[in-house]
Amino acid sequence: MKRLLITTVITLLLFSCKGNGQNPNNDAKNDDSNAVSTAPISHKELMFNGDYEDLLTLEMASRITGFEPSKARKTHILKGMTDEILRYNWENGREKNKETITPGMKTTTISCTDLVQIKWVDTEADMESFLDFVEPDEHQELSKLKEVGESAYWNSKKNHLEVYSNGVSFTVQVAISNDGSLNKKKPSPWQN
């Protein structure tokens, strides 16, 4: 069962990733489209034993983003705890406008860190508990993705993907562009 989950994750990474315009050897801004390497992932990378790094390795994150693995910064917040988050960051010089909530104030430009992260992993999930957690009937911002895992939903408000596959559910977020539709396409490594 663990091998099937890992194989699913790898397959998604290999066949679903589209580049975002980043040249891994270039620190330029990253809002364009480009191809990403689809080098095979070993079965060892696919084995899930309860460690978040088995679901999202640096190599997987690099393939999703198209960024150089050696330039990534890994943070593993609260490892082994309920609110654990595994995150890979890249500083690529991306900026976005931050709107103010006060009328008449100027919009400011802020720098953004590009990231891929995984959190809320439930290794004892079943389809019923996954759907209870996600609540697709109650949230109009959710859109079902048929080709990802056994069940998956894109949350357009939170800009992340909720995935259930082989008894494991998790949330994955990719924020590598100011274009939400591009970010939505990136988590697809967890395709069937």
Protein backbone atom coordinates (compact mmCIF):
# COMPACT_ATOMS: atom_id res chain seq x y z
CA MET A 1 0.00 0.00 0.00
CA LYS A 2 2.86 2.36 0.83
CA ARG A 3 4.57 1.51 -2.45
CA LEU A 4 1.37 2.25 -4.35
CA LEU A 5 1.13 5.66 -2.67
CA ILE A 6 4.72 6.45 -3.44
CA THR A 7 4.37 5.23 -7.01
CA THR A 8 1.35 7.50 -7.35
CA VAL A 9 3.31 10.46 -6.05
CA ILE A 10 6.20 9.79 -8.39
CA THR A 11 3.98 9.27 -11.40
CA LEU A 12 2.31 12.58 -10.72
CA LEU A 13 5.63 14.33 -10.49
CA LEU A 14 6.92 12.82 -13.68
CA PHE A 15 3.98 13.26 -15.98
CA SER A 16 2.17 16.34 -14.74
CA CYS A 17 4.79 18.97 -14.18
CA LYS A 18 5.06 21.92 -16.47
CA GLY A 19 7.78 24.48 -16.02
CA ASN A 20 7.17 27.97 -14.78
CA GLY A 21 9.74 29.77 -16.84
CA GLN A 22 12.54 29.55 -14.33
CA ASN A 23 15.91 28.65 -15.56
CA PRO A 24 17.41 26.71 -12.62
CA ASN A 25 20.72 28.46 -13.26
CA ASN A 26 19.14 31.91 -13.46
CA ASP A 27 17.98 34.13 -10.62
CA ALA A 28 15.53 35.97 -12.92
CA LYS A 29 11.85 36.39 -12.12
CA ASN A 30 9.68 33.32 -12.63
CA ASP A 31 6.29 33.95 -14.20
CA ASP A 32 6.93 32.33 -17.61
CA SER A 33 6.32 28.76 -18.83
CA ASN A 34 9.07 26.19 -19.45
CA ALA A 35 9.64 22.41 -19.38
CA VAL A 36 10.87 20.61 -16.25
CA SER A 37 13.13 17.58 -16.00
CA THR A 38 11.26 14.29 -15.71
CA ALA A 39 14.13 12.11 -14.53
CA PRO A 40 12.83 8.85 -13.05
CA ILE A 41 12.23 8.66 -9.31
CA SER A 42 13.46 5.59 -7.53
CA HIS A 43 11.14 3.31 -5.55
CA LYS A 44 13.06 4.32 -2.44
CA GLU A 45 11.79 7.89 -2.91
CA LEU A 46 8.21 6.58 -3.01
CA MET A 47 8.14 4.68 0.26
CA PHE A 48 6.01 6.41 2.89
CA ASN A 49 6.87 5.42 6.43
CA GLY A 50 5.28 8.33 8.26
CA ASP A 51 7.99 10.85 7.41
CA TYR A 52 6.85 13.86 5.38
CA GLU A 53 10.11 13.68 3.46
CA ASP A 54 8.89 10.40 1.96
CA LEU A 55 5.92 12.23 0.43
CA LEU A 56 7.84 15.31 -0.70
CA THR A 57 11.58 15.01 -1.24
CA LEU A 58 13.86 17.86 -2.29
CA GLU A 59 14.19 16.19 -5.69
CA MET A 60 10.39 16.09 -6.09
CA ALA A 61 10.06 19.75 -5.06
CA SER A 62 12.79 20.67 -7.53
CA ARG A 63 11.02 18.80 -10.34
CA ILE A 64 7.71 20.49 -9.50
CA THR A 65 9.23 23.98 -9.54
CA GLY A 66 11.99 23.57 -12.09
CA PHE A 67 14.39 25.23 -9.63
CA GLU A 68 17.90 24.08 -8.79
CA PRO A 69 17.85 21.78 -5.71
CA SER A 70 21.13 23.20 -4.41
CA LYS A 71 19.54 26.65 -4.09
CA ALA A 72 16.63 25.41 -1.97
CA ARG A 73 16.26 26.04 1.74
CA LYS A 74 14.45 23.29 3.61
CA THR A 75 12.45 23.90 6.77
CA HIS A 76 10.71 21.14 8.65
CA ILE A 77 8.57 22.92 11.21
CA LEU A 78 7.30 20.96 14.23
CA LYS A 79 8.65 17.68 12.85
CA GLY A 80 6.77 14.73 14.32
CA MET A 81 3.97 16.93 15.72
CA THR A 82 0.37 17.37 14.57
CA ASP A 83 1.00 20.71 12.85
CA GLU A 84 4.14 19.51 11.05
CA ILE A 85 5.03 21.30 7.80
CA LEU A 86 7.76 20.37 5.34
CA ARG A 87 8.71 23.30 3.12
CA TYR A 88 11.27 23.89 0.38
CA ASN A 89 11.97 27.59 -0.40
CA TRP A 90 13.79 29.36 -3.20
CA GLU A 91 14.71 33.05 -3.29
CA ASN A 92 14.24 33.96 -6.95
CA GLY A 93 13.49 37.67 -6.73
CA ARG A 94 9.74 37.33 -7.33
CA GLU A 95 7.68 40.29 -6.20
CA LYS A 96 3.98 40.98 -5.88
CA ASN A 97 1.80 43.95 -5.14
CA LYS A 98 0.29 44.10 -1.68
CA GLU A 99 -2.93 46.02 -1.59
CA THR A 100 -3.73 48.06 1.48
CA ILE A 101 -7.07 47.89 3.22
CA THR A 102 -6.99 51.60 4.03
CA PRO A 103 -8.55 53.78 1.30
CA GLY A 104 -6.13 56.24 -0.28
CA MET A 105 -3.01 54.32 0.76
CA LYS A 106 -0.49 53.26 -1.85
CA THR A 107 -0.15 49.67 -2.98
CA THR A 108 3.26 48.37 -2.00
CA THR A 109 5.51 45.84 -3.68
CA ILE A 110 6.82 43.03 -1.51
CA SER A 111 9.29 40.24 -2.24
CA CYS A 112 8.02 36.68 -2.22
CA THR A 113 9.74 33.42 -1.48
CA ASP A 114 8.91 30.63 -3.91
CA LEU A 115 7.90 27.46 -2.09
CA VAL A 116 6.53 23.95 -2.20
CA GLN A 117 5.16 22.60 1.07
CA ILE A 118 3.24 19.65 2.43
CA LYS A 119 1.24 19.58 5.66
CA TRP A 120 -1.72 18.02 7.42
CA VAL A 121 -0.66 14.47 6.58
CA ASP A 122 -3.07 11.88 7.97
CA THR A 123 -1.69 8.36 7.63
CA GLU A 124 -4.85 6.70 8.94
CA ALA A 125 -7.30 8.40 6.62
CA ASP A 126 -10.14 6.77 4.79
CA MET A 127 -12.29 8.28 2.06
CA GLU A 128 -15.13 9.12 4.45
CA SER A 129 -12.91 10.97 6.94
CA PHE A 130 -11.14 12.77 4.08
CA LEU A 131 -14.43 14.01 2.65
CA ASP A 132 -15.63 15.01 6.15
CA PHE A 133 -12.45 17.06 6.58
CA VAL A 134 -12.57 18.70 3.14
CA GLU A 135 -16.40 19.17 3.08
CA PRO A 136 -16.73 19.58 -0.71
CA ASP A 137 -20.51 20.07 -0.59
CA GLU A 138 -20.19 23.05 1.76
CA HIS A 139 -17.37 24.94 0.07
CA GLN A 140 -17.94 26.44 -3.36
CA GLU A 141 -14.25 27.35 -3.65
CA LEU A 142 -13.36 23.64 -4.04
CA SER A 143 -12.99 22.06 -7.45
CA LYS A 144 -12.58 18.31 -7.89
CA LEU A 145 -9.52 17.07 -9.74
CA LYS A 146 -10.24 13.64 -11.14
CA GLU A 147 -6.71 12.71 -12.16
CA VAL A 148 -5.07 13.23 -8.76
CA GLY A 149 -4.99 10.47 -6.13
CA GLU A 150 -8.20 8.63 -5.27
CA SER A 151 -9.81 11.97 -4.46
CA ALA A 152 -8.46 15.50 -4.67
CA TYR A 153 -9.80 19.03 -4.47
CA TRP A 154 -8.24 22.36 -5.37
CA ASN A 155 -9.10 25.07 -2.82
CA SER A 156 -9.07 28.37 -4.71
CA LYS A 157 -9.30 30.50 -1.55
CA LYS A 158 -6.37 28.84 0.20
CA ASN A 159 -4.48 28.03 -3.02
CA HIS A 160 -3.67 24.48 -2.06
CA LEU A 161 -4.55 20.94 -3.05
CA GLU A 162 -6.22 18.45 -0.69
CA VAL A 163 -5.28 14.88 -1.70
CA TYR A 164 -6.40 11.43 -0.57
CA SER A 165 -4.50 8.42 -1.89
CA ASN A 166 -3.99 4.91 -0.53
CA GLY A 167 -4.97 5.63 3.06
CA VAL A 168 -3.01 8.88 3.34
CA SER A 169 -4.41 12.38 3.02
CA PHE A 170 -2.38 15.57 2.85
CA THR A 171 -2.35 19.18 1.76
CA VAL A 172 0.20 20.46 -0.73
CA GLN A 173 0.84 24.05 -1.70
CA VAL A 174 2.95 25.39 -4.54
CA ALA A 175 3.59 29.12 -4.60
CA ILE A 176 6.12 29.83 -7.34
CA SER A 177 4.27 32.39 -9.40
CA ASN A 178 1.87 35.30 -9.03
CA ASP A 179 -0.38 33.37 -11.42
CA GLY A 180 -2.73 31.19 -9.33
CA SER A 181 -3.62 28.99 -12.30
CA LEU A 182 0.05 28.10 -12.78
CA ASN A 183 0.42 27.29 -9.09
CA LYS A 184 -2.69 25.09 -9.31
CA LYS A 185 -1.12 23.01 -12.09
CA LYS A 186 2.09 22.39 -10.16
CA PRO A 187 0.87 20.01 -7.38
CA SER A 188 -0.18 17.42 -9.95
CA PRO A 189 2.71 15.03 -9.20
CA TRP A 190 0.23 13.14 -7.06
CA GLN A 191 -1.76 12.06 -10.10
CA ASN A 192 -3.00 8.52 -10.64
